[in-house]
């Protein structure tokens, strides 16, 4: 990374042995144990714009993230179970508490069962020898469109999803961008959602625990007029959505993930 200006632009990956060890005897300098940090002031910029309701509001210049109002239809997508097995259903795993479930979608159809995550991190990839993790290439679906097939071929190494003390992080391990939508990436006191583009090699905090507590409190007071899930994250592979795209909603994206976080921190 010849353009790196400061160590604060780097994010240590959770799989590093010295990760989270304060004042340890050694400091890791392995280049593959780090990723670029995708922050508000660093590239890539969010694919977003102001919603009509916010045009008269002053911008918060401390965060370059703008927003848009999502009006996605609330019709229940079709659920198609897939025939696959994974380590999340083993007898030993059932005894432990999980921190999230992962659903894989192709447009409006859920493919396969929910993948339950018990470990602190999980790899979600296509069809490569990655060891333990969620292999999307194993999920079968009849009559896939050519658009879905092309997008699936771009997933590659996919993402590394990790639960850390300050929140949930996603590291883009693929060779193509991912697009992230989360309630905690929103502007405070504004019911709008944003979509962040995360380039290969970058990490982003997709869910912030402290912000989530504030959002839940606010949602109970002000947002009782419709469905609102403050504990879910959506990630699309290779294809973005929102006002800058012909795909207005994530259900128009060929391949995407729904991360359903539990209340167990």
C-alpha atoms as a PDB file:
ATOM      1  CA  UNK A   1       0.000   0.000   0.000  1.00  0.00           C
ATOM      2  CA  UNK A   2       2.313   2.802  -1.182  1.00  0.00           C
ATOM      3  CA  UNK A   3      -0.388   5.405  -0.517  1.00  0.00           C
ATOM      4  CA  UNK A   4      -0.676   4.540   3.191  1.00  0.00           C
ATOM      5  CA  UNK A   5      -0.354   7.728   5.266  1.00  0.00           C
ATOM      6  CA  UNK A   6      -0.764   6.510   8.860  1.00  0.00           C
ATOM      7  CA  UNK A   7      -0.959   3.210  10.795  1.00  0.00           C
ATOM      8  CA  UNK A   8      -4.481   4.185  11.867  1.00  0.00           C
ATOM      9  CA  UNK A   9      -5.569   3.451   8.289  1.00  0.00           C
ATOM     10  CA  UNK A  10      -4.864  -0.242   8.917  1.00  0.00           C
ATOM     11  CA  UNK A  11      -7.091  -2.802  10.624  1.00  0.00           C
ATOM     12  CA  UNK A  12      -5.584  -5.962  12.207  1.00  0.00           C
ATOM     13  CA  UNK A  13      -7.497  -9.083  11.211  1.00  0.00           C
ATOM     14  CA  UNK A  14      -9.123 -11.093  13.977  1.00  0.00           C
ATOM     15  CA  UNK A  15      -7.270 -14.290  13.049  1.00  0.00           C
ATOM     16  CA  UNK A  16      -3.881 -12.803  13.987  1.00  0.00           C
ATOM     17  CA  UNK A  17      -2.390 -14.438  17.097  1.00  0.00           C
ATOM     18  CA  UNK A  18      -1.427 -11.100  18.631  1.00  0.00           C
ATOM     19  CA  UNK A  19      -4.800  -9.470  17.881  1.00  0.00           C
ATOM     20  CA  UNK A  20      -6.307  -7.716  20.890  1.00  0.00           C
ATOM     21  CA  UNK A  21      -3.296  -8.381  23.151  1.00  0.00           C
ATOM     22  CA  UNK A  22      -2.607  -5.101  24.937  1.00  0.00           C
ATOM     23  CA  UNK A  23       1.043  -4.390  25.815  1.00  0.00           C
ATOM     24  CA  UNK A  24       2.113  -7.776  24.526  1.00  0.00           C
ATOM     25  CA  UNK A  25       5.790  -8.744  24.218  1.00  0.00           C
ATOM     26  CA  UNK A  26       5.609  -8.709  20.418  1.00  0.00           C
ATOM     27  CA  UNK A  27       3.884  -6.645  17.742  1.00  0.00           C
ATOM     28  CA  UNK A  28       2.758  -8.380  14.563  1.00  0.00           C
ATOM     29  CA  UNK A  29       4.063  -6.887  11.296  1.00  0.00           C
ATOM     30  CA  UNK A  30       2.809  -9.618   8.957  1.00  0.00           C
ATOM     31  CA  UNK A  31       1.343  -7.726   5.977  1.00  0.00           C
ATOM     32  CA  UNK A  32      -1.351 -10.342   5.388  1.00  0.00           C
ATOM     33  CA  UNK A  33      -2.607  -9.948   8.957  1.00  0.00           C
ATOM     34  CA  UNK A  34      -3.844  -6.429   8.172  1.00  0.00           C
ATOM     35  CA  UNK A  35      -6.443  -4.829   5.929  1.00  0.00           C
ATOM     36  CA  UNK A  36      -7.174  -1.275   4.869  1.00  0.00           C
ATOM     37  CA  UNK A  37      -9.721   0.482   7.053  1.00  0.00           C
ATOM     38  CA  UNK A  38     -12.769   1.751   5.201  1.00  0.00           C
ATOM     39  CA  UNK A  39     -13.603   4.930   7.108  1.00  0.00           C
ATOM     40  CA  UNK A  40     -15.803   7.979   6.407  1.00  0.00           C
ATOM     41  CA  UNK A  41     -12.844  10.024   5.171  1.00  0.00           C
ATOM     42  CA  UNK A  42     -11.148   7.275   3.160  1.00  0.00           C
ATOM     43  CA  UNK A  43     -12.002   5.761  -0.230  1.00  0.00           C
ATOM     44  CA  UNK A  44     -14.216   4.245  -1.414  1.00  0.00           C
ATOM     45  CA  UNK A  45     -17.034   6.794  -0.926  1.00  0.00           C
ATOM     46  CA  UNK A  46     -20.581   5.666  -0.139  1.00  0.00           C
ATOM     47  CA  UNK A  47     -22.962   5.185  -3.023  1.00  0.00           C
ATOM     48  CA  UNK A  48     -25.683   7.400  -1.585  1.00  0.00           C
ATOM     49  CA  UNK A  49     -27.380  10.759  -1.659  1.00  0.00           C
ATOM     50  CA  UNK A  50     -29.654  12.886   0.489  1.00  0.00           C
ATOM     51  CA  UNK A  51     -33.229  11.733   0.839  1.00  0.00           C
ATOM     52  CA  UNK A  52     -35.975  14.255  -0.029  1.00  0.00           C
ATOM     53  CA  UNK A  53     -36.851  14.687   3.658  1.00  0.00           C
ATOM     54  CA  UNK A  54     -33.294  15.725   4.481  1.00  0.00           C
ATOM     55  CA  UNK A  55     -32.751  18.375   1.825  1.00  0.00           C
ATOM     56  CA  UNK A  56     -33.417  21.184   4.297  1.00  0.00           C
ATOM     57  CA  UNK A  57     -31.300  19.697   7.078  1.00  0.00           C
ATOM     58  CA  UNK A  58     -27.687  20.819   7.645  1.00  0.00           C
ATOM     59  CA  UNK A  59     -25.080  18.230   6.809  1.00  0.00           C
ATOM     60  CA  UNK A  60     -22.963  16.702   9.537  1.00  0.00           C
ATOM     61  CA  UNK A  61     -19.531  17.368   8.076  1.00  0.00           C
ATOM     62  CA  UNK A  62     -17.869  15.110  10.638  1.00  0.00           C
ATOM     63  CA  UNK A  63     -19.159  12.178   8.584  1.00  0.00           C
ATOM     64  CA  UNK A  64     -19.040  12.282   4.803  1.00  0.00           C
ATOM     65  CA  UNK A  65     -21.739   9.618   4.587  1.00  0.00           C
ATOM     66  CA  UNK A  66     -25.005  10.768   3.010  1.00  0.00           C
ATOM     67  CA  UNK A  67     -28.193   8.782   2.997  1.00  0.00           C
ATOM     68  CA  UNK A  68     -31.275   7.762   1.133  1.00  0.00           C
ATOM     69  CA  UNK A  69     -34.748   6.719   2.167  1.00  0.00           C
ATOM     70  CA  UNK A  70     -35.491   3.079   1.521  1.00  0.00           C
ATOM     71  CA  UNK A  71     -39.047   2.228   0.538  1.00  0.00           C
ATOM     72  CA  UNK A  72     -38.593  -1.439  -0.236  1.00  0.00           C
ATOM     73  CA  UNK A  73     -41.790  -3.448  -0.476  1.00  0.00           C
ATOM     74  CA  UNK A  74     -42.529  -5.617   2.536  1.00  0.00           C
ATOM     75  CA  UNK A  75     -43.704  -8.657   0.574  1.00  0.00           C
ATOM     76  CA  UNK A  76     -42.159 -11.835   1.925  1.00  0.00           C
ATOM     77  CA  UNK A  77     -39.561 -13.254  -0.478  1.00  0.00           C
ATOM     78  CA  UNK A  78     -39.771 -16.858  -1.596  1.00  0.00           C
ATOM     79  CA  UNK A  79     -37.818 -19.247   0.626  1.00  0.00           C
ATOM     80  CA  UNK A  80     -36.233 -22.192  -1.133  1.00  0.00           C
ATOM     81  CA  UNK A  81     -34.440 -24.696   1.116  1.00  0.00           C
ATOM     82  CA  UNK A  82     -31.216 -26.169  -0.207  1.00  0.00           C
ATOM     83  CA  UNK A  83     -29.650 -29.549   0.356  1.00  0.00           C
ATOM     84  CA  UNK A  84     -26.354 -29.011   2.105  1.00  0.00           C
ATOM     85  CA  UNK A  85     -24.713 -29.758   5.417  1.00  0.00           C
ATOM     86  CA  UNK A  86     -22.450 -27.611   7.555  1.00  0.00           C
ATOM     87  CA  UNK A  87     -20.642 -27.634  10.874  1.00  0.00           C
ATOM     88  CA  UNK A  88     -23.193 -25.311  12.471  1.00  0.00           C
ATOM     89  CA  UNK A  89     -25.616 -28.219  12.988  1.00  0.00           C
ATOM     90  CA  UNK A  90     -23.175 -30.531  14.793  1.00  0.00           C
ATOM     91  CA  UNK A  91     -24.140 -31.720  18.309  1.00  0.00           C
ATOM     92  CA  UNK A  92     -21.216 -29.847  19.878  1.00  0.00           C
ATOM     93  CA  UNK A  93     -22.229 -26.602  18.187  1.00  0.00           C
ATOM     94  CA  UNK A  94     -25.776 -26.772  19.517  1.00  0.00           C
ATOM     95  CA  UNK A  95     -24.490 -26.573  23.095  1.00  0.00           C
ATOM     96  CA  UNK A  96     -22.827 -23.196  22.448  1.00  0.00           C
ATOM     97  CA  UNK A  97     -24.601 -19.893  22.001  1.00  0.00           C
ATOM     98  CA  UNK A  98     -24.518 -18.322  18.572  1.00  0.00           C
ATOM     99  CA  UNK A  99     -24.018 -14.626  17.823  1.00  0.00           C
ATOM    100  CA  UNK A 100     -25.540 -14.493  14.353  1.00  0.00           C
ATOM    101  CA  UNK A 101     -27.309 -16.393  11.600  1.00  0.00           C
ATOM    102  CA  UNK A 102     -26.438 -15.874   7.944  1.00  0.00           C
ATOM    103  CA  UNK A 103     -28.944 -16.185   5.100  1.00  0.00           C
ATOM    104  CA  UNK A 104     -27.884 -16.276   1.450  1.00  0.00           C
ATOM    105  CA  UNK A 105     -30.229 -14.738  -1.125  1.00  0.00           C
ATOM    106  CA  UNK A 106     -30.392 -14.596  -4.903  1.00  0.00           C
ATOM    107  CA  UNK A 107     -32.691 -11.705  -5.765  1.00  0.00           C
ATOM    108  CA  UNK A 108     -35.890 -12.380  -3.762  1.00  0.00           C
ATOM    109  CA  UNK A 109     -35.219 -16.090  -3.172  1.00  0.00           C
ATOM    110  CA  UNK A 110     -33.423 -17.380  -0.114  1.00  0.00           C
ATOM    111  CA  UNK A 111     -31.157 -20.280  -1.056  1.00  0.00           C
ATOM    112  CA  UNK A 112     -30.365 -22.903   1.560  1.00  0.00           C
ATOM    113  CA  UNK A 113     -30.910 -22.847   5.281  1.00  0.00           C
ATOM    114  CA  UNK A 114     -29.747 -20.302   7.816  1.00  0.00           C
ATOM    115  CA  UNK A 115     -26.075 -20.757   8.669  1.00  0.00           C
ATOM    116  CA  UNK A 116     -25.562 -20.393  12.424  1.00  0.00           C
ATOM    117  CA  UNK A 117     -22.257 -18.875  13.574  1.00  0.00           C
ATOM    118  CA  UNK A 118     -20.770 -19.873  16.942  1.00  0.00           C
ATOM    119  CA  UNK A 119     -17.092 -19.022  16.472  1.00  0.00           C
ATOM    120  CA  UNK A 120     -15.837 -15.443  16.775  1.00  0.00           C
ATOM    121  CA  UNK A 121     -15.245 -15.279  13.022  1.00  0.00           C
ATOM    122  CA  UNK A 122     -16.513 -17.047   9.928  1.00  0.00           C
ATOM    123  CA  UNK A 123     -15.394 -17.136   6.301  1.00  0.00           C
ATOM    124  CA  UNK A 124     -18.157 -16.864   3.713  1.00  0.00           C
ATOM    125  CA  UNK A 125     -16.830 -17.883   0.305  1.00  0.00           C
ATOM    126  CA  UNK A 126     -17.846 -19.442  -2.984  1.00  0.00           C
ATOM    127  CA  UNK A 127     -16.148 -22.735  -3.789  1.00  0.00           C
ATOM    128  CA  UNK A 128     -12.538 -22.688  -2.676  1.00  0.00           C
ATOM    129  CA  UNK A 129     -10.701 -24.880  -0.145  1.00  0.00           C
ATOM    130  CA  UNK A 130     -11.090 -22.443   2.739  1.00  0.00           C
ATOM    131  CA  UNK A 131     -11.575 -24.918   5.585  1.00  0.00           C
ATOM    132  CA  UNK A 132     -14.436 -24.211   7.980  1.00  0.00           C
ATOM    133  CA  UNK A 133     -16.971 -21.653   6.894  1.00  0.00           C
ATOM    134  CA  UNK A 134     -20.072 -21.004   4.820  1.00  0.00           C
ATOM    135  CA  UNK A 135     -19.510 -22.322   1.287  1.00  0.00           C
ATOM    136  CA  UNK A 136     -22.028 -20.674  -1.026  1.00  0.00           C
ATOM    137  CA  UNK A 137     -21.013 -22.883  -3.928  1.00  0.00           C
ATOM    138  CA  UNK A 138     -22.665 -25.853  -2.208  1.00  0.00           C
ATOM    139  CA  UNK A 139     -26.109 -24.258  -2.311  1.00  0.00           C
ATOM    140  CA  UNK A 140     -28.180 -25.622  -5.175  1.00  0.00           C
ATOM    141  CA  UNK A 141     -30.990 -23.829  -6.979  1.00  0.00           C
ATOM    142  CA  UNK A 142     -32.737 -24.807 -10.195  1.00  0.00           C
ATOM    143  CA  UNK A 143     -32.885 -22.466 -13.171  1.00  0.00           C
ATOM    144  CA  UNK A 144     -30.432 -19.805 -12.034  1.00  0.00           C
ATOM    145  CA  UNK A 145     -30.299 -16.782 -14.323  1.00  0.00           C
ATOM    146  CA  UNK A 146     -27.120 -15.928 -16.207  1.00  0.00           C
ATOM    147  CA  UNK A 147     -26.792 -12.723 -14.145  1.00  0.00           C
ATOM    148  CA  UNK A 148     -26.750 -14.741 -10.918  1.00  0.00           C
ATOM    149  CA  UNK A 149     -24.220 -17.197 -12.360  1.00  0.00           C
ATOM    150  CA  UNK A 150     -21.871 -14.404 -13.386  1.00  0.00           C
ATOM    151  CA  UNK A 151     -22.131 -12.719  -9.993  1.00  0.00           C
ATOM    152  CA  UNK A 152     -21.576 -15.991  -8.106  1.00  0.00           C
ATOM    153  CA  UNK A 153     -18.356 -16.478 -10.060  1.00  0.00           C
ATOM    154  CA  UNK A 154     -17.118 -13.151  -8.638  1.00  0.00           C
ATOM    155  CA  UNK A 155     -17.590 -14.097  -4.963  1.00  0.00           C
ATOM    156  CA  UNK A 156     -14.286 -15.994  -4.811  1.00  0.00           C
ATOM    157  CA  UNK A 157     -12.725 -15.790  -1.347  1.00  0.00           C
ATOM    158  CA  UNK A 158     -15.746 -13.753  -0.232  1.00  0.00           C
ATOM    159  CA  UNK A 159     -15.674 -12.071   3.154  1.00  0.00           C
ATOM    160  CA  UNK A 160     -14.412 -12.660   6.665  1.00  0.00           C
ATOM    161  CA  UNK A 161     -17.085 -11.760   9.209  1.00  0.00           C
ATOM    162  CA  UNK A 162     -15.878 -11.299  12.796  1.00  0.00           C
ATOM    163  CA  UNK A 163     -17.428 -10.396  16.131  1.00  0.00           C
ATOM    164  CA  UNK A 164     -15.106  -8.055  18.026  1.00  0.00           C
ATOM    165  CA  UNK A 165     -15.416  -6.004  21.249  1.00  0.00           C
ATOM    166  CA  UNK A 166     -16.568  -2.850  19.465  1.00  0.00           C
ATOM    167  CA  UNK A 167     -18.886  -4.487  16.950  1.00  0.00           C
ATOM    168  CA  UNK A 168     -19.069  -6.742  13.898  1.00  0.00           C
ATOM    169  CA  UNK A 169     -16.511  -6.307  11.129  1.00  0.00           C
ATOM    170  CA  UNK A 170     -16.479  -7.469   7.504  1.00  0.00           C
ATOM    171  CA  UNK A 171     -13.230  -7.900   5.561  1.00  0.00           C
ATOM    172  CA  UNK A 172     -13.529  -8.063   1.777  1.00  0.00           C
ATOM    173  CA  UNK A 173     -11.299 -10.957   0.690  1.00  0.00           C
ATOM    174  CA  UNK A 174     -12.646 -11.144  -2.858  1.00  0.00           C
ATOM    175  CA  UNK A 175     -11.349  -9.448  -5.994  1.00  0.00           C
ATOM    176  CA  UNK A 176     -14.525  -7.396  -6.441  1.00  0.00           C
ATOM    177  CA  UNK A 177     -16.320  -4.790  -4.294  1.00  0.00           C
ATOM    178  CA  UNK A 178     -18.962  -5.624  -1.740  1.00  0.00           C
ATOM    179  CA  UNK A 179     -21.808  -3.290  -0.754  1.00  0.00           C
ATOM    180  CA  UNK A 180     -22.974  -2.971   2.851  1.00  0.00           C
ATOM    181  CA  UNK A 181     -26.174  -1.708   4.434  1.00  0.00           C
ATOM    182  CA  UNK A 182     -26.614  -1.529   8.216  1.00  0.00           C
ATOM    183  CA  UNK A 183     -28.779   0.481  10.640  1.00  0.00           C
ATOM    184  CA  UNK A 184     -25.666   1.568  12.550  1.00  0.00           C
ATOM    185  CA  UNK A 185     -24.149   3.132   9.421  1.00  0.00           C
ATOM    186  CA  UNK A 186     -27.081   5.534   9.364  1.00  0.00           C
ATOM    187  CA  UNK A 187     -27.016   9.206  10.319  1.00  0.00           C
ATOM    188  CA  UNK A 188     -28.264   9.615  13.925  1.00  0.00           C
ATOM    189  CA  UNK A 189     -31.863  10.772  14.404  1.00  0.00           C
ATOM    190  CA  UNK A 190     -32.719  10.101  10.768  1.00  0.00           C
ATOM    191  CA  UNK A 191     -34.619   7.072   9.513  1.00  0.00           C
ATOM    192  CA  UNK A 192     -32.683   6.564   6.318  1.00  0.00           C
ATOM    193  CA  UNK A 193     -30.298   3.857   5.209  1.00  0.00           C
ATOM    194  CA  UNK A 194     -27.028   4.119   3.322  1.00  0.00           C
ATOM    195  CA  UNK A 195     -25.057   1.711   1.185  1.00  0.00           C
ATOM    196  CA  UNK A 196     -21.272   1.653   1.548  1.00  0.00           C
ATOM    197  CA  UNK A 197     -18.978   0.326  -1.163  1.00  0.00           C
ATOM    198  CA  UNK A 198     -16.046  -1.669   0.243  1.00  0.00           C
ATOM    199  CA  UNK A 199     -13.203  -2.391  -2.147  1.00  0.00           C
ATOM    200  CA  UNK A 200     -11.061  -5.574  -2.072  1.00  0.00           C
ATOM    201  CA  UNK A 201      -8.629  -5.612   0.855  1.00  0.00           C
ATOM    202  CA  UNK A 202     -10.702  -3.196   2.962  1.00  0.00           C
ATOM    203  CA  UNK A 203     -12.481  -3.779   6.271  1.00  0.00           C
ATOM    204  CA  UNK A 204     -15.545  -1.968   7.592  1.00  0.00           C
ATOM    205  CA  UNK A 205     -17.411  -2.082  10.888  1.00  0.00           C
ATOM    206  CA  UNK A 206     -20.801  -3.228   9.658  1.00  0.00           C
ATOM    207  CA  UNK A 207     -22.461  -3.127  13.076  1.00  0.00           C
ATOM    208  CA  UNK A 208     -21.686  -0.923  16.085  1.00  0.00           C
ATOM    209  CA  UNK A 209     -22.978  -2.157  19.450  1.00  0.00           C
ATOM    210  CA  UNK A 210     -23.125   1.255  21.122  1.00  0.00           C
ATOM    211  CA  UNK A 211     -24.940   2.868  18.195  1.00  0.00           C
ATOM    212  CA  UNK A 212     -27.317  -0.076  18.111  1.00  0.00           C
ATOM    213  CA  UNK A 213     -28.443   0.579  21.694  1.00  0.00           C
ATOM    214  CA  UNK A 214     -29.205   4.188  20.805  1.00  0.00           C
ATOM    215  CA  UNK A 215     -31.014   3.185  17.625  1.00  0.00           C
ATOM    216  CA  UNK A 216     -33.214   0.680  19.441  1.00  0.00           C
ATOM    217  CA  UNK A 217     -34.198   3.309  21.996  1.00  0.00           C
ATOM    218  CA  UNK A 218     -34.948   5.824  19.266  1.00  0.00           C
ATOM    219  CA  UNK A 219     -36.858   3.290  17.206  1.00  0.00           C
ATOM    220  CA  UNK A 220     -39.133   2.473  20.128  1.00  0.00           C
ATOM    221  CA  UNK A 221     -40.008   6.143  20.557  1.00  0.00           C
ATOM    222  CA  UNK A 222     -40.296   7.420  17.012  1.00  0.00           C
ATOM    223  CA  UNK A 223     -40.413   4.577  14.525  1.00  0.00           C
ATOM    224  CA  UNK A 224     -43.368   2.461  15.570  1.00  0.00           C
ATOM    225  CA  UNK A 225     -45.131   2.967  12.220  1.00  0.00           C
ATOM    226  CA  UNK A 226     -43.585   0.066  10.334  1.00  0.00           C
ATOM    227  CA  UNK A 227     -41.209  -2.917  10.356  1.00  0.00           C
ATOM    228  CA  UNK A 228     -37.729  -2.071  11.558  1.00  0.00           C
ATOM    229  CA  UNK A 229     -34.944  -4.502  12.408  1.00  0.00           C
ATOM    230  CA  UNK A 230     -32.052  -2.790  14.212  1.00  0.00           C
ATOM    231  CA  UNK A 231     -30.041  -6.037  14.376  1.00  0.00           C
ATOM    232  CA  UNK A 232     -29.559  -6.995  10.742  1.00  0.00           C
ATOM    233  CA  UNK A 233     -26.839  -6.306   8.187  1.00  0.00           C
ATOM    234  CA  UNK A 234     -27.089  -6.809   4.430  1.00  0.00           C
ATOM    235  CA  UNK A 235     -24.111  -7.382   2.145  1.00  0.00           C
ATOM    236  CA  UNK A 236     -24.254  -7.659  -1.643  1.00  0.00           C
ATOM    237  CA  UNK A 237     -21.496  -9.215  -3.731  1.00  0.00           C
ATOM    238  CA  UNK A 238     -20.184  -7.230  -6.739  1.00  0.00           C
ATOM    239  CA  UNK A 239     -23.473  -5.373  -7.384  1.00  0.00           C
ATOM    240  CA  UNK A 240     -24.634  -2.271  -5.529  1.00  0.00           C
ATOM    241  CA  UNK A 241     -28.119  -0.921  -5.003  1.00  0.00           C
ATOM    242  CA  UNK A 242     -29.750   2.362  -4.100  1.00  0.00           C
ATOM    243  CA  UNK A 243     -30.592   5.653  -5.804  1.00  0.00           C
ATOM    244  CA  UNK A 244     -27.445   5.607  -7.962  1.00  0.00           C
ATOM    245  CA  UNK A 245     -28.400   2.281  -9.537  1.00  0.00           C
ATOM    246  CA  UNK A 246     -31.177   0.734 -11.562  1.00  0.00           C
ATOM    247  CA  UNK A 247     -31.364  -1.696  -8.630  1.00  0.00           C
ATOM    248  CA  UNK A 248     -33.236   0.361  -6.039  1.00  0.00           C
ATOM    249  CA  UNK A 249     -33.510  -2.416  -3.456  1.00  0.00           C
ATOM    250  CA  UNK A 250     -31.217  -5.222  -2.365  1.00  0.00           C
ATOM    251  CA  UNK A 251     -33.759  -7.803  -3.539  1.00  0.00           C
ATOM    252  CA  UNK A 252     -32.747  -6.740  -7.062  1.00  0.00           C
ATOM    253  CA  UNK A 253     -29.125  -7.794  -6.401  1.00  0.00           C
ATOM    254  CA  UNK A 254     -28.113 -11.206  -7.804  1.00  0.00           C
ATOM    255  CA  UNK A 255     -26.219 -12.470  -4.724  1.00  0.00           C
ATOM    256  CA  UNK A 256     -26.447 -11.060  -1.216  1.00  0.00           C
ATOM    257  CA  UNK A 257     -26.223 -11.968   2.464  1.00  0.00           C
ATOM    258  CA  UNK A 258     -28.491 -11.166   5.373  1.00  0.00           C
ATOM    259  CA  UNK A 259     -26.662 -11.169   8.720  1.00  0.00           C
ATOM    260  CA  UNK A 260     -29.169 -11.674  11.542  1.00  0.00           C
ATOM    261  CA  UNK A 261     -27.471 -10.746  14.808  1.00  0.00           C
ATOM    262  CA  UNK A 262     -28.601 -12.249  18.093  1.00  0.00           C
ATOM    263  CA  UNK A 263     -28.947 -10.329  21.335  1.00  0.00           C
ATOM    264  CA  UNK A 264     -26.036 -12.263  22.889  1.00  0.00           C
ATOM    265  CA  UNK A 265     -22.991 -10.018  22.932  1.00  0.00           C
END
